[in-house]
N, C-alpha and C. Protein backbone atom coordinates (compact mmCIF):
# COMPACT_ATOMS: atom_id res chain seq x y z
N MET A 1 172.79 115.15 83.89
CA MET A 1 172.28 115.02 82.62
C MET A 1 171.54 113.97 82.31
N LEU A 2 170.63 113.61 83.48
CA LEU A 2 170.14 112.07 83.85
C LEU A 2 168.86 113.69 83.38
N GLU A 3 168.96 114.23 84.41
CA GLU A 3 167.43 114.99 84.86
C GLU A 3 167.16 116.35 83.98
N SER A 4 168.55 117.03 83.09
CA SER A 4 167.80 117.32 81.46
C SER A 4 167.30 117.02 80.51
N GLN A 5 168.18 115.44 80.18
CA GLN A 5 167.01 113.81 79.49
C GLN A 5 165.70 113.77 79.63
N THR A 6 165.31 114.00 81.09
CA THR A 6 164.28 113.67 82.13
C THR A 6 163.05 115.20 80.94
N ALA A 7 163.45 116.91 81.50
CA ALA A 7 163.15 117.35 80.63
C ALA A 7 162.74 117.38 80.11
N SER A 8 163.43 116.78 78.41
CA SER A 8 163.56 117.21 77.36
C SER A 8 162.80 116.17 77.12
N VAL A 9 162.87 114.98 77.49
CA VAL A 9 161.31 113.93 77.12
C VAL A 9 160.59 114.38 77.34
N LEU A 10 160.16 114.87 78.72
CA LEU A 10 158.98 115.32 78.91
C LEU A 10 158.15 116.66 78.73
N ALA A 11 158.94 117.21 77.96
CA ALA A 11 158.98 118.48 76.99
C ALA A 11 158.79 118.22 75.19
N CYS A 12 158.58 116.80 74.74
CA CYS A 12 158.69 116.16 73.47
C CYS A 12 157.49 115.44 74.21
N ILE A 13 157.24 115.24 74.55
CA ILE A 13 155.38 114.69 74.86
C ILE A 13 154.84 115.44 74.94
N LYS A 14 154.93 116.54 76.39
CA LYS A 14 153.69 117.67 76.21
C LYS A 14 153.60 117.66 74.49
N GLN A 15 154.65 118.98 73.90
CA GLN A 15 154.63 119.20 73.01
C GLN A 15 153.68 118.19 71.09
N HIS A 16 154.10 116.96 71.54
CA HIS A 16 153.21 116.36 70.11
C HIS A 16 151.55 115.99 71.33
N ASN A 17 151.41 115.71 73.04
CA ASN A 17 151.05 115.20 73.85
C ASN A 17 150.74 113.92 73.98
N GLU A 18 151.63 112.95 72.82
CA GLU A 18 151.27 111.18 72.39
C GLU A 18 152.72 111.07 71.29
N ARG A 19 153.30 110.16 72.43
CA ARG A 19 154.17 109.98 71.89
C ARG A 19 154.90 108.85 71.27
N LEU A 20 155.15 108.12 70.58
CA LEU A 20 156.22 106.35 70.81
C LEU A 20 157.74 106.59 71.02
N ASP A 21 158.12 105.66 72.21
CA ASP A 21 159.11 105.98 73.07
C ASP A 21 160.06 106.00 71.31
N PHE A 22 160.26 105.61 70.17
CA PHE A 22 160.84 105.26 69.57
C PHE A 22 161.26 106.45 68.86
N GLU A 23 160.45 107.43 68.00
CA GLU A 23 159.85 108.58 68.05
C GLU A 23 160.35 109.67 69.05
N VAL A 24 160.29 109.95 70.45
CA VAL A 24 161.17 110.83 71.30
C VAL A 24 163.03 110.20 71.56
N ALA A 25 162.70 108.97 71.57
CA ALA A 25 163.99 108.67 71.29
C ALA A 25 164.69 109.81 70.06
N ALA A 26 164.78 109.60 68.93
CA ALA A 26 164.82 110.17 67.59
C ALA A 26 164.82 111.85 67.72
N GLN A 27 163.62 112.19 68.53
CA GLN A 27 164.02 113.98 68.71
C GLN A 27 164.71 114.06 69.47
N THR A 28 164.78 113.88 70.48
CA THR A 28 165.38 114.14 72.02
C THR A 28 167.06 113.51 71.42
N GLY A 29 167.18 112.74 70.95
CA GLY A 29 168.98 112.32 70.11
C GLY A 29 169.17 111.61 71.75
N ALA A 30 168.36 110.89 72.72
CA ALA A 30 168.54 109.57 73.44
C ALA A 30 168.71 108.34 73.21
N SER A 31 168.80 107.66 74.02
CA SER A 31 169.20 105.65 73.28
C SER A 31 167.41 105.72 74.31
N LEU A 32 166.96 104.35 72.99
CA LEU A 32 165.82 104.09 73.24
C LEU A 32 166.14 103.36 74.66
N ASP A 33 167.05 103.22 75.58
CA ASP A 33 166.86 102.22 77.07
C ASP A 33 166.84 103.58 77.37
N VAL A 34 167.82 105.00 77.53
CA VAL A 34 167.49 105.48 78.66
C VAL A 34 165.86 106.15 78.33
N VAL A 35 165.91 106.29 76.85
CA VAL A 35 164.11 107.09 77.01
C VAL A 35 162.40 105.88 77.98
N ARG A 36 163.23 104.80 77.49
CA ARG A 36 162.55 104.05 78.59
C ARG A 36 162.56 103.70 80.21
N ARG A 37 163.74 104.29 80.21
CA ARG A 37 163.50 104.34 82.15
C ARG A 37 163.19 105.17 82.66
N ILE A 38 163.32 107.31 81.53
CA ILE A 38 162.96 108.05 82.08
C ILE A 38 161.13 107.81 82.00
N GLY A 39 160.90 107.33 80.99
CA GLY A 39 159.21 107.19 80.97
C GLY A 39 158.65 105.71 81.66
N HIS A 40 159.68 104.91 82.34
CA HIS A 40 158.88 104.31 84.15
C HIS A 40 158.81 105.56 84.89
N ASP A 41 159.52 106.48 84.99
CA ASP A 41 160.31 106.96 85.55
C ASP A 41 159.02 107.50 86.25
N LEU A 42 158.29 108.96 84.57
CA LEU A 42 157.00 109.68 84.30
C LEU A 42 156.17 109.21 84.72
N ILE A 43 155.47 107.63 84.54
CA ILE A 43 154.92 106.87 84.90
C ILE A 43 154.64 106.90 86.34
N SER A 44 155.71 106.42 87.07
CA SER A 44 155.71 106.42 88.94
C SER A 44 155.59 107.78 89.02
N THR A 45 155.91 108.91 88.70
CA THR A 45 155.17 110.36 89.41
C THR A 45 154.10 110.45 88.66
N GLY A 46 153.16 110.33 88.19
CA GLY A 46 152.11 110.25 87.65
C GLY A 46 151.88 111.54 86.46
N LYS A 47 153.21 111.79 85.53
CA LYS A 47 153.05 112.72 84.65
C LYS A 47 152.64 112.28 83.57
N VAL A 48 152.46 111.78 82.96
CA VAL A 48 152.12 110.05 81.50
C VAL A 48 151.87 108.88 81.73
N ILE A 49 151.18 108.30 81.35
CA ILE A 49 150.23 106.67 81.27
C ILE A 49 150.89 106.96 80.29
N SER A 50 151.02 105.06 79.70
CA SER A 50 151.91 104.16 79.06
C SER A 50 150.89 103.37 78.28
N CYS A 51 151.10 103.07 76.89
CA CYS A 51 150.69 101.43 76.66
C CYS A 51 151.35 100.56 76.05
N THR A 52 151.70 99.64 75.14
CA THR A 52 152.22 99.10 74.44
C THR A 52 151.71 98.75 73.00
N VAL A 53 151.70 98.79 72.17
CA VAL A 53 150.90 99.16 70.85
C VAL A 53 152.29 98.29 69.86
N THR A 54 151.86 97.79 69.28
CA THR A 54 151.51 97.64 68.14
C THR A 54 151.70 97.67 66.74
N ARG A 55 153.23 98.50 66.20
CA ARG A 55 152.92 98.90 64.74
C ARG A 55 153.40 98.31 63.43
N TYR A 56 152.93 98.69 62.12
CA TYR A 56 152.72 97.70 61.53
C TYR A 56 154.83 98.54 60.43
N ARG A 57 155.54 97.93 60.03
CA ARG A 57 156.08 98.69 59.45
C ARG A 57 156.76 97.17 58.45
N ASP A 58 156.53 97.96 56.59
CA ASP A 58 156.62 96.90 55.70
C ASP A 58 155.97 95.50 55.97
N GLY A 59 155.46 95.37 56.48
CA GLY A 59 154.77 94.41 57.26
C GLY A 59 154.85 93.06 58.63
N GLN A 60 156.66 93.64 59.09
CA GLN A 60 156.95 93.43 59.87
C GLN A 60 156.69 93.98 61.34
N PRO A 61 156.53 93.47 62.50
CA PRO A 61 155.32 93.48 63.45
C PRO A 61 156.16 94.74 64.24
N VAL A 62 156.45 96.12 64.99
CA VAL A 62 157.31 96.54 66.24
C VAL A 62 156.53 97.18 67.20
N GLU A 63 157.19 96.71 68.24
CA GLU A 63 156.61 96.78 69.98
C GLU A 63 157.06 97.94 70.65
N ALA A 64 156.37 98.75 70.95
CA ALA A 64 156.38 99.95 71.05
C ALA A 64 156.02 100.67 72.28
N SER A 65 156.26 101.34 73.10
CA SER A 65 155.82 102.30 73.96
C SER A 65 155.20 103.81 74.08
N LEU A 66 153.75 103.64 73.75
CA LEU A 66 153.69 104.80 73.27
C LEU A 66 153.15 106.07 74.84
N TYR A 67 153.24 106.80 75.19
CA TYR A 67 153.26 107.62 76.04
C TYR A 67 152.66 108.56 75.81
N ARG A 68 151.35 109.38 77.01
CA ARG A 68 150.93 109.86 76.69
C ARG A 68 150.71 110.65 77.67
N VAL A 69 150.21 112.56 77.93
CA VAL A 69 150.12 113.46 78.97
C VAL A 69 149.23 112.58 80.00
N THR A 70 149.26 113.03 81.25
CA THR A 70 148.35 112.60 82.54
C THR A 70 147.25 113.76 81.38
N GLY A 71 145.54 112.91 81.41
CA GLY A 71 144.17 113.57 81.29
C GLY A 71 144.11 114.23 80.42
N TYR A 72 145.45 113.95 79.17
CA TYR A 72 145.04 113.95 77.52
C TYR A 72 144.18 112.82 77.41
N THR A 73 143.06 113.67 75.87
CA THR A 73 141.94 112.99 75.62
C THR A 73 142.33 113.00 74.53
N PRO A 74 142.49 111.89 73.16
CA PRO A 74 142.39 112.73 71.51
C PRO A 74 141.21 113.46 71.40
N PRO A 75 140.78 113.81 69.95
CA PRO A 75 140.16 114.80 69.68
C PRO A 75 139.44 113.28 68.64
N PRO A 76 138.39 113.37 68.97
CA PRO A 76 137.48 112.18 68.02
C PRO A 76 138.27 111.68 66.59
N ALA A 77 137.36 110.76 66.07
CA ALA A 77 138.36 111.30 64.20
C ALA A 77 137.14 111.34 63.78
N PRO A 78 137.53 111.97 62.40
CA PRO A 78 136.94 112.83 61.69
C PRO A 78 136.16 111.58 60.99
N GLY A 79 134.10 112.35 60.32
CA GLY A 79 134.04 111.11 60.19
C GLY A 79 132.64 110.91 60.64
N ARG A 80 131.63 110.79 60.20
CA ARG A 80 130.30 111.10 60.66
C ARG A 80 130.21 110.35 61.68
N LYS A 81 128.99 110.43 63.01
CA LYS A 81 129.29 110.32 64.07
C LYS A 81 127.38 109.80 64.35
N SER A 82 127.08 108.47 65.35
CA SER A 82 125.97 108.23 65.04
C SER A 82 125.36 108.29 66.16
N ARG A 83 124.04 109.20 66.02
CA ARG A 83 123.22 110.00 67.29
C ARG A 83 122.37 109.24 68.13
N PRO A 84 122.88 109.69 68.98
CA PRO A 84 121.52 109.38 69.51
C PRO A 84 120.32 108.91 69.59
N ALA A 85 118.94 107.95 69.68
CA ALA A 85 118.32 108.20 70.14
C ALA A 85 116.96 109.06 70.35
N SER A 86 116.90 109.84 69.70
CA SER A 86 115.62 110.98 70.34
C SER A 86 114.48 111.07 70.43
């Protein structure tokens, strides 16, 4: 049972490249505790990396873990970029 949940959690993270723990729990149908335990196992095997983030919903801070596929670098933000001096 846990192996199938691990596969679905990893597939969810790979599909979106990075995901918050409560988003993974909502998409996979697993509880938040199970997702965090699976996330810890995936971190120890080196398949994902994690960091703690604080997001605000209606002015209230919400602490969550952000899981990212190992080796994925998000694209740069849109907008003007400074150029190196030539």
